[in-house]
Amino acid sequence: MTDVLVVGAGPVGLLLAGELARRGVDVGLLEQRSTPSVGTRAIGVHAPVLAALEASGVTERLLDTAVRVGRGEARAGDRVLGIVRFDELSTRFPFVATLPQSATESALSARSPAPDRGAAVTAVRPSEESVRVRVSRRGGANDGATEELDAPIVVLAGGWTSRALAYCDGAVPTKTYPDRYLMSDIAVPDRADAETAIVNLTPGGVLESFPLPGSIRRMVAWDAATGTAPDEQADAPDVRVARLKAALRARGEASAADAVEAATAFGIRRLVAPKMRRGRLFVIGDAAHEVSPIGGQGLNLGLLDAVGLAPLLARWVHTRSAPEADLAAWEHRRVTSALRAGRLAAVNTVLGRPRTGAADFVRRSLVRGMLTPPLGAGFAWAYSMGLDAGA
């Protein structure tokens, strides 16, 4: 029987499994997907995470391929409203490291045990001595087979799909926003602002533009097609591409519009579970708290969940005694951090909605004031996870 069983081999699960293995814990990793995901939403790793992972060598691997974004701009069309200077923060890593999620997972996999793929967890039952996990096999010769595993400690890190394993329907209050966004990673070489993050607050809605390695930019545009199923790709791919191209052209990104080949659509929710632990069962990452990706806080929340929990679970395993006070303090910090990140993301969401006339003028004035020194330094600090209780 393994010491700790981690459910979910995304970035958060991989990090936790790797940090536990580094501390001499026998850890198992279950993943329902038969192959690694090629899709990506999360691209930015902030300074507190880079600092926390430096000792393990993960930071060095992340930075081998990442773009180090030291500067961001808030714009209104062609006008610059303000500048965010990550490179002036008093921190070990004064920048945001941007790279595709697949590259992040690859860097984290170097320390993590290989995941047991095609293993969909359908139920968990905690008891005083262990947690029983029911697994349904998907694909291969054992497709459809079920088995039950026992582990002294189980951590759910499988994102929203694993949330229902820990919480009953309605147990975690959820706010679903009407906003919908279109997203694509687009090849746009030879830009003067190639290493600058840009948030363009246009009357038609926000356009976020972030650099990625290889002269790629992540473009996220507020989508006028609200009211549709935001979390499903309900529209035909060519319809999404056409809408994103139109949105980019309307926001002054004609060359990027011409290069769009594919687009995804997504909506946003905000939820924060008040508890992340039930005895020997833990819930971390998006399974426990979900915030708007506009602002790039969600991935880093989950990674900080994992990096804070790993030494406590390792101590539990090695001493055979749960560090109750420290686990309670960890849970309090993580719930507090998720609430703060959710509020910040909500502000970003509201600011990014379409605004015209006087409302647009007020928004531009507000953002200009927020980014004027000395307030600008505080905004950069907050955006880069400075509000996180584990930072």
Protein backbone atom coordinates (compact mmCIF):
# COMPACT_ATOMS: atom_id res chain seq x y z
CA MET A 1 0.00 0.00 0.00
CA THR A 2 1.39 3.41 -0.99
CA ASP A 3 1.80 6.11 1.65
CA VAL A 4 -0.07 8.78 -0.32
CA LEU A 5 -2.32 8.45 -3.37
CA VAL A 6 -2.66 11.56 -5.55
CA VAL A 7 -5.59 11.78 -7.96
CA GLY A 8 -4.89 13.91 -11.03
CA ALA A 9 -1.68 14.27 -13.07
CA GLY A 10 -2.05 17.89 -14.12
CA PRO A 11 0.48 20.46 -12.90
CA VAL A 12 -0.81 20.47 -9.31
CA GLY A 13 -0.89 16.69 -8.95
CA LEU A 14 2.50 16.27 -10.60
CA LEU A 15 4.06 18.86 -8.32
CA LEU A 16 2.64 17.31 -5.16
CA ALA A 17 3.67 13.80 -6.18
CA GLY A 18 7.18 14.98 -7.05
CA GLU A 19 7.61 16.92 -3.80
CA LEU A 20 6.44 13.90 -1.78
CA ALA A 21 8.76 11.53 -3.64
CA ARG A 22 11.65 13.96 -3.06
CA ARG A 23 10.97 13.64 0.67
CA GLY A 24 11.06 9.85 0.63
CA VAL A 25 7.31 9.21 0.53
CA ASP A 26 5.96 6.22 -1.44
CA VAL A 27 3.42 8.02 -3.62
CA GLY A 28 1.02 6.78 -6.30
CA LEU A 29 -0.44 9.01 -9.01
CA LEU A 30 -3.74 8.23 -10.79
CA GLU A 31 -4.87 9.99 -13.97
CA GLN A 32 -8.06 9.37 -15.91
CA ARG A 33 -6.64 10.60 -19.23
CA SER A 34 -4.89 7.91 -21.22
CA THR A 35 -2.43 10.42 -22.69
CA PRO A 36 -1.12 13.80 -21.54
CA SER A 37 -3.36 16.71 -22.46
CA VAL A 38 -2.25 18.90 -25.34
CA GLY A 39 -4.71 21.65 -24.45
CA THR A 40 -3.61 24.50 -22.22
CA ARG A 41 -5.10 27.40 -20.36
CA ALA A 42 -2.55 28.05 -17.64
CA ILE A 43 0.66 29.65 -18.92
CA GLY A 44 2.04 31.97 -16.22
CA VAL A 45 4.13 30.90 -13.22
CA HIS A 46 4.57 33.68 -10.65
CA ALA A 47 7.49 34.60 -8.41
CA PRO A 48 6.36 32.88 -5.15
CA VAL A 49 6.00 29.55 -6.97
CA LEU A 50 9.38 29.91 -8.66
CA ALA A 51 10.99 30.67 -5.28
CA ALA A 52 9.27 27.72 -3.60
CA LEU A 53 10.41 25.27 -6.29
CA GLU A 54 14.00 26.44 -6.63
CA ALA A 55 15.43 23.96 -4.11
CA SER A 56 13.94 21.00 -5.98
CA GLY A 57 15.42 22.04 -9.32
CA VAL A 58 11.99 22.52 -10.92
CA THR A 59 12.44 26.28 -11.28
CA GLU A 60 15.60 25.83 -13.33
CA ARG A 61 13.79 23.43 -15.67
CA LEU A 62 10.84 25.81 -16.03
CA LEU A 63 13.08 28.76 -16.84
CA ASP A 64 15.04 26.81 -19.45
CA THR A 65 12.25 27.39 -21.96
CA ALA A 66 10.04 30.11 -20.43
CA VAL A 67 9.73 33.73 -21.48
CA ARG A 68 10.56 36.00 -18.55
CA VAL A 69 7.95 38.73 -18.67
CA GLY A 70 9.18 41.72 -16.71
CA ARG A 71 6.72 44.29 -17.98
CA GLY A 72 3.02 44.61 -18.60
CA GLU A 73 0.96 47.38 -20.15
CA ALA A 74 -2.66 48.39 -19.75
CA ARG A 75 -3.90 49.98 -22.93
CA ALA A 76 -7.04 51.55 -24.30
CA GLY A 77 -6.66 51.05 -28.01
CA ASP A 78 -3.35 52.65 -28.97
CA ARG A 79 -3.04 54.62 -25.72
CA VAL A 80 -1.02 53.29 -22.78
CA LEU A 81 -2.94 53.74 -19.54
CA GLY A 82 -0.19 52.45 -17.31
CA ILE A 83 2.77 50.11 -16.94
CA VAL A 84 3.15 47.17 -14.59
CA ARG A 85 6.81 46.60 -13.68
CA PHE A 86 7.33 43.05 -12.46
CA ASP A 87 11.06 43.60 -12.95
CA GLU A 88 11.07 46.15 -10.13
CA LEU A 89 9.56 43.85 -7.51
CA SER A 90 11.74 43.01 -4.50
CA THR A 91 11.73 39.28 -5.07
CA ARG A 92 14.11 36.53 -6.11
CA PHE A 93 12.36 36.19 -9.47
CA PRO A 94 11.11 39.62 -10.61
CA PHE A 95 9.12 38.45 -13.61
CA VAL A 96 6.31 36.13 -14.70
CA ALA A 97 7.56 32.96 -16.39
CA THR A 98 5.28 32.08 -19.30
CA LEU A 99 5.31 28.72 -21.06
CA PRO A 100 2.72 26.24 -22.38
CA GLN A 101 1.09 24.04 -19.78
CA SER A 102 2.55 20.98 -21.49
CA ALA A 103 6.05 22.37 -20.89
CA THR A 104 5.20 23.05 -17.24
CA GLU A 105 3.97 19.48 -16.84
CA SER A 106 7.12 18.17 -18.51
CA ALA A 107 9.31 20.07 -16.05
CA LEU A 108 7.29 18.80 -13.10
CA SER A 109 7.31 15.22 -14.37
CA ALA A 110 11.08 14.92 -13.90
CA ARG A 111 10.60 14.49 -10.12
CA SER A 112 7.18 12.86 -10.13
CA PRO A 113 6.45 9.14 -10.37
CA ALA A 114 4.91 8.08 -13.68
CA PRO A 115 1.13 8.39 -13.52
CA ASP A 116 -1.11 5.35 -13.75
CA ARG A 117 -3.13 6.48 -16.77
CA GLY A 118 -6.63 5.46 -17.76
CA ALA A 119 -7.54 5.22 -14.06
CA ALA A 120 -10.74 7.17 -13.43
CA VAL A 121 -11.57 7.56 -9.75
CA THR A 122 -15.33 7.21 -9.24
CA ALA A 123 -15.60 7.25 -5.43
CA VAL A 124 -13.58 7.86 -2.29
CA ARG A 125 -14.50 6.69 1.21
CA PRO A 126 -12.39 8.02 4.09
CA SER A 127 -12.17 6.09 7.35
CA GLU A 128 -10.13 6.54 10.52
CA GLU A 129 -7.23 4.42 9.25
CA SER A 130 -7.23 4.89 5.46
CA VAL A 131 -9.13 6.07 2.39
CA ARG A 132 -10.66 3.60 -0.03
CA VAL A 133 -10.61 4.65 -3.68
CA ARG A 134 -12.73 3.06 -6.39
CA VAL A 135 -11.09 3.09 -9.82
CA SER A 136 -12.65 2.42 -13.20
CA ARG A 137 -10.22 1.47 -15.95
CA ARG A 138 -10.55 3.20 -19.30
CA GLY A 139 -9.00 1.94 -22.51
CA GLY A 140 -6.66 -0.96 -23.18
CA ALA A 141 -7.22 -4.58 -22.26
CA ASN A 142 -8.80 -3.68 -18.90
CA ASP A 143 -11.35 -1.22 -20.28
CA GLY A 144 -14.38 -1.16 -18.00
CA ALA A 145 -12.73 -3.08 -15.17
CA THR A 146 -13.07 -1.72 -11.63
CA GLU A 147 -10.87 -2.08 -8.59
CA GLU A 148 -10.57 -0.66 -5.10
CA LEU A 149 -7.39 0.73 -3.62
CA ASP A 150 -6.54 1.73 -0.07
CA ALA A 151 -4.09 4.43 0.99
CA PRO A 152 -3.41 6.08 4.35
CA ILE A 153 -3.74 9.53 2.73
CA VAL A 154 -5.47 10.57 -0.51
CA VAL A 155 -5.22 13.95 -2.22
CA LEU A 156 -7.69 15.00 -4.91
CA ALA A 157 -5.88 17.23 -7.42
CA GLY A 158 -7.85 16.44 -10.55
CA GLY A 159 -9.48 19.83 -11.13
CA TRP A 160 -13.20 20.38 -11.31
CA THR A 161 -13.82 16.79 -12.47
CA SER A 162 -12.69 15.46 -9.08
CA ARG A 163 -14.61 18.02 -7.03
CA ALA A 164 -17.75 15.90 -6.79
CA LEU A 165 -15.74 13.13 -5.12
CA ALA A 166 -15.30 15.32 -2.04
CA TYR A 167 -18.25 17.71 -1.95
CA CYS A 168 -21.98 17.10 -2.27
CA ASP A 169 -24.01 19.09 -4.80
CA GLY A 170 -24.58 22.58 -3.47
CA ALA A 171 -22.00 22.23 -0.69
CA VAL A 172 -19.67 24.77 -2.29
CA PRO A 173 -21.40 28.04 -3.27
CA THR A 174 -20.65 28.81 -6.90
CA LYS A 175 -20.97 32.04 -8.85
CA THR A 176 -21.21 31.60 -12.60
CA TYR A 177 -20.44 34.73 -14.59
CA PRO A 178 -22.21 35.60 -17.85
CA ASP A 179 -18.89 36.43 -19.49
CA ARG A 180 -17.43 34.26 -22.21
CA TYR A 181 -13.99 34.42 -23.81
CA LEU A 182 -12.26 33.20 -26.95
CA MET A 183 -8.65 32.06 -26.79
CA SER A 184 -5.89 31.05 -29.17
CA ASP A 185 -2.10 30.74 -29.23
CA ILE A 186 -1.00 32.61 -32.33
CA ALA A 187 2.35 32.93 -34.13
CA VAL A 188 3.07 36.66 -34.34
CA PRO A 189 6.82 37.20 -34.93
CA ASP A 190 8.67 40.51 -35.20
CA ARG A 191 6.63 42.54 -32.70
CA ALA A 192 8.21 45.46 -30.88
CA ASP A 193 6.34 44.37 -27.73
CA ALA A 194 7.30 40.70 -28.08
CA GLU A 195 8.11 40.25 -24.38
CA THR A 196 5.42 42.53 -22.94
CA ALA A 197 2.14 41.37 -21.45
CA ILE A 198 -0.73 43.53 -22.69
CA VAL A 199 -4.23 44.07 -21.37
CA ASN A 200 -6.21 46.19 -23.84
CA LEU A 201 -9.43 47.59 -22.38
CA THR A 202 -11.43 48.45 -25.48
CA PRO A 203 -15.10 49.50 -25.65
CA GLY A 204 -15.87 46.07 -27.14
CA GLY A 205 -14.32 44.18 -24.22
CA VAL A 206 -10.89 43.19 -23.00
CA LEU A 207 -8.14 41.66 -25.11
CA GLU A 208 -5.32 40.03 -23.16
CA SER A 209 -2.09 39.24 -25.00
CA PHE A 210 0.77 37.35 -23.37
CA PRO A 211 4.11 36.24 -24.85
CA LEU A 212 5.01 32.56 -25.06
CA PRO A 213 8.22 30.91 -26.29
CA GLY A 214 8.79 30.70 -30.02
CA SER A 215 7.23 34.05 -31.00
CA ILE A 216 3.80 32.81 -29.93
CA ARG A 217 1.26 35.00 -28.16
CA ARG A 218 -1.69 33.84 -26.09
CA MET A 219 -4.67 35.98 -27.10
CA VAL A 220 -7.81 36.03 -24.96
CA ALA A 221 -10.71 38.19 -26.10
CA TRP A 222 -14.04 38.92 -24.43
CA ASP A 223 -16.66 37.27 -26.64
CA ALA A 224 -19.92 38.94 -27.56
CA ALA A 225 -21.65 35.54 -27.78
CA THR A 226 -22.64 35.49 -24.10
CA GLY A 227 -25.58 33.44 -22.98
CA THR A 228 -24.38 30.29 -24.76
CA ALA A 229 -22.96 27.26 -22.97
CA PRO A 230 -19.67 28.86 -21.87
CA ASP A 231 -17.85 25.77 -20.67
CA GLU A 232 -18.49 23.64 -23.71
CA GLN A 233 -17.27 23.96 -27.26
CA ALA A 234 -20.86 24.23 -28.42
CA ASP A 235 -20.04 26.21 -31.55
CA ALA A 236 -18.43 24.79 -34.65
CA PRO A 237 -14.66 25.35 -34.74
CA ASP A 238 -14.87 27.62 -37.79
CA VAL A 239 -17.47 29.78 -36.02
CA ARG A 240 -15.17 30.28 -33.04
CA VAL A 241 -12.26 31.11 -35.33
CA ALA A 242 -14.35 33.63 -37.27
CA ARG A 243 -15.53 35.33 -34.07
CA LEU A 244 -12.02 35.53 -32.66
CA LYS A 245 -10.67 36.97 -35.90
CA ALA A 246 -13.39 39.61 -35.86
CA ALA A 247 -12.66 40.43 -32.20
CA LEU A 248 -8.92 40.79 -32.87
CA ARG A 249 -9.44 43.04 -35.88
CA ALA A 250 -11.84 45.22 -33.89
CA ARG A 251 -9.16 45.59 -31.21
CA GLY A 252 -6.36 46.56 -33.60
CA GLU A 253 -4.70 43.14 -33.97
CA ALA A 254 -5.21 42.55 -37.71
CA SER A 255 -1.96 40.63 -38.24
CA ALA A 256 -2.77 38.31 -35.34
CA ALA A 257 -6.28 37.82 -36.70
CA ASP A 258 -4.86 36.66 -40.04
CA ALA A 259 -2.76 34.03 -38.22
CA VAL A 260 -5.57 32.45 -36.16
CA GLU A 261 -5.91 28.75 -36.97
CA ALA A 262 -7.97 27.47 -34.03
CA ALA A 263 -9.88 28.92 -31.10
CA THR A 264 -11.44 27.67 -27.90
CA ALA A 265 -14.24 29.24 -25.89
CA PHE A 266 -14.60 29.25 -22.13
CA GLY A 267 -16.69 30.77 -19.38
CA ILE A 268 -15.75 31.43 -15.79
CA ARG A 269 -16.90 30.52 -12.31
CA ARG A 270 -15.84 31.50 -8.84
CA LEU A 271 -16.00 29.08 -5.92
CA VAL A 272 -13.97 28.51 -2.81
CA ALA A 273 -14.56 25.45 -0.66
CA PRO A 274 -14.47 26.41 3.04
CA LYS A 275 -12.72 23.13 3.86
CA MET A 276 -9.90 21.37 2.02
CA ARG A 277 -9.51 18.42 4.36
CA ARG A 278 -11.67 15.66 5.80
CA GLY A 279 -9.50 13.46 7.97
CA ARG A 280 -7.15 11.64 5.61
CA LEU A 281 -8.69 13.11 2.46
CA PHE A 282 -7.40 16.40 1.03
CA VAL A 283 -8.62 18.52 -1.88
CA ILE A 284 -6.31 21.01 -3.62
CA GLY A 285 -6.13 23.13 -6.76
CA ASP A 286 -9.19 23.73 -8.92
CA ALA A 287 -10.98 20.88 -7.17
CA ALA A 288 -11.15 23.07 -4.06
CA HIS A 289 -11.20 26.58 -5.50
CA GLU A 290 -11.83 27.97 -8.95
CA VAL A 291 -11.25 31.57 -9.97
CA SER A 292 -11.31 33.39 -13.28
CA PRO A 293 -8.26 32.69 -15.43
CA ILE A 294 -8.32 36.38 -16.35
CA GLY A 295 -5.35 37.46 -14.26
CA GLY A 296 -3.55 34.11 -14.15
CA GLN A 297 -4.04 33.25 -10.46
CA GLY A 298 -5.63 29.78 -10.58
CA LEU A 299 -2.64 27.64 -11.55
CA ASN A 300 -0.40 29.39 -9.01
CA LEU A 301 -2.98 28.94 -6.25
CA GLY A 302 -2.95 25.20 -6.87
CA LEU A 303 0.84 24.97 -7.05
CA LEU A 304 1.16 26.83 -3.75
CA ASP A 305 -1.44 24.46 -2.25
CA ALA A 306 0.78 21.54 -3.22
CA VAL A 307 4.13 22.98 -2.21
CA GLY A 308 2.79 23.88 1.22
CA LEU A 309 1.05 20.55 1.81
CA ALA A 310 3.89 18.24 0.72
CA PRO A 311 6.21 18.67 3.75
CA LEU A 312 3.29 18.26 6.16
CA LEU A 313 2.16 15.00 4.56
CA ALA A 314 5.76 13.77 4.48
CA ARG A 315 6.09 14.47 8.19
CA TRP A 316 2.83 12.61 8.82
CA VAL A 317 4.08 9.59 6.89
CA HIS A 318 7.52 9.48 8.52
CA THR A 319 6.35 10.10 12.09
CA ARG A 320 3.01 8.27 11.75
CA SER A 321 1.38 11.20 13.50
CA ALA A 322 -0.70 13.87 11.79
CA PRO A 323 0.66 17.40 12.41
CA GLU A 324 -2.83 18.64 13.18
CA ALA A 325 -2.01 22.22 14.12
CA ASP A 326 0.16 22.77 11.05
CA LEU A 327 -2.40 21.15 8.75
CA ALA A 328 -5.12 23.41 10.14
CA ALA A 329 -2.89 26.45 9.61
CA TRP A 330 -2.14 25.31 6.05
CA GLU A 331 -5.85 24.93 5.30
CA HIS A 332 -6.62 28.37 6.72
CA ARG A 333 -3.87 29.98 4.61
CA ARG A 334 -5.01 28.29 1.44
CA VAL A 335 -8.71 29.12 1.86
CA THR A 336 -7.79 32.71 2.71
CA SER A 337 -5.55 32.92 -0.35
CA ALA A 338 -8.25 31.52 -2.63
CA LEU A 339 -10.77 34.06 -1.35
CA ARG A 340 -8.32 36.90 -2.03
CA ALA A 341 -7.51 35.61 -5.51
CA GLY A 342 -11.19 35.22 -6.27
CA ARG A 343 -11.91 38.83 -5.35
CA LEU A 344 -9.02 40.08 -7.47
CA ALA A 345 -10.16 37.96 -10.40
CA ALA A 346 -13.69 39.32 -10.02
CA VAL A 347 -12.37 42.87 -10.32
CA ASN A 348 -10.43 41.90 -13.45
CA THR A 349 -13.57 40.35 -14.91
CA VAL A 350 -15.70 43.45 -14.32
CA LEU A 351 -13.02 45.76 -15.74
CA GLY A 352 -12.79 43.62 -18.86
CA ARG A 353 -16.43 43.87 -19.89
CA PRO A 354 -17.54 46.11 -22.77
CA ARG A 355 -17.86 49.75 -21.74
CA THR A 356 -18.75 52.74 -23.89
CA GLY A 357 -19.11 56.46 -23.37
CA ALA A 358 -18.89 57.69 -19.79
CA ALA A 359 -18.49 54.18 -18.38
CA ASP A 360 -15.45 53.58 -20.58
CA PHE A 361 -13.98 56.94 -19.52
CA VAL A 362 -14.43 56.06 -15.84
CA ARG A 363 -12.80 52.66 -16.38
CA ARG A 364 -9.79 54.17 -18.14
CA SER A 365 -9.41 56.79 -15.43
CA LEU A 366 -9.62 54.14 -12.71
CA VAL A 367 -6.99 51.92 -14.34
CA ARG A 368 -4.72 54.89 -15.00
CA GLY A 369 -4.93 55.82 -11.32
CA MET A 370 -4.31 52.24 -10.18
CA LEU A 371 -1.12 52.02 -12.21
CA THR A 372 0.31 55.42 -11.30
CA PRO A 373 3.19 55.30 -8.78
CA PRO A 374 3.17 54.42 -5.95
CA LEU A 375 -0.04 52.44 -6.47
CA GLY A 376 1.40 50.76 -9.57
CA ALA A 377 3.98 48.85 -7.53
CA GLY A 378 1.21 47.50 -5.29
CA PHE A 379 -0.78 46.38 -8.31
CA ALA A 380 2.23 44.49 -9.71
CA TRP A 381 2.76 42.88 -6.29
CA ALA A 382 -0.88 41.79 -6.04
CA TYR A 383 -1.04 40.51 -9.61
CA SER A 384 2.09 38.37 -9.06
CA MET A 385 0.52 36.51 -6.11
CA GLY A 386 1.72 38.93 -3.44
CA LEU A 387 -1.68 38.63 -1.73
CA ASP A 388 -1.24 34.90 -1.30
CA ALA A 389 -0.82 33.88 2.34
CA GLY A 390 1.80 31.35 1.31
CA ALA A 391 3.88 33.81 -0.72
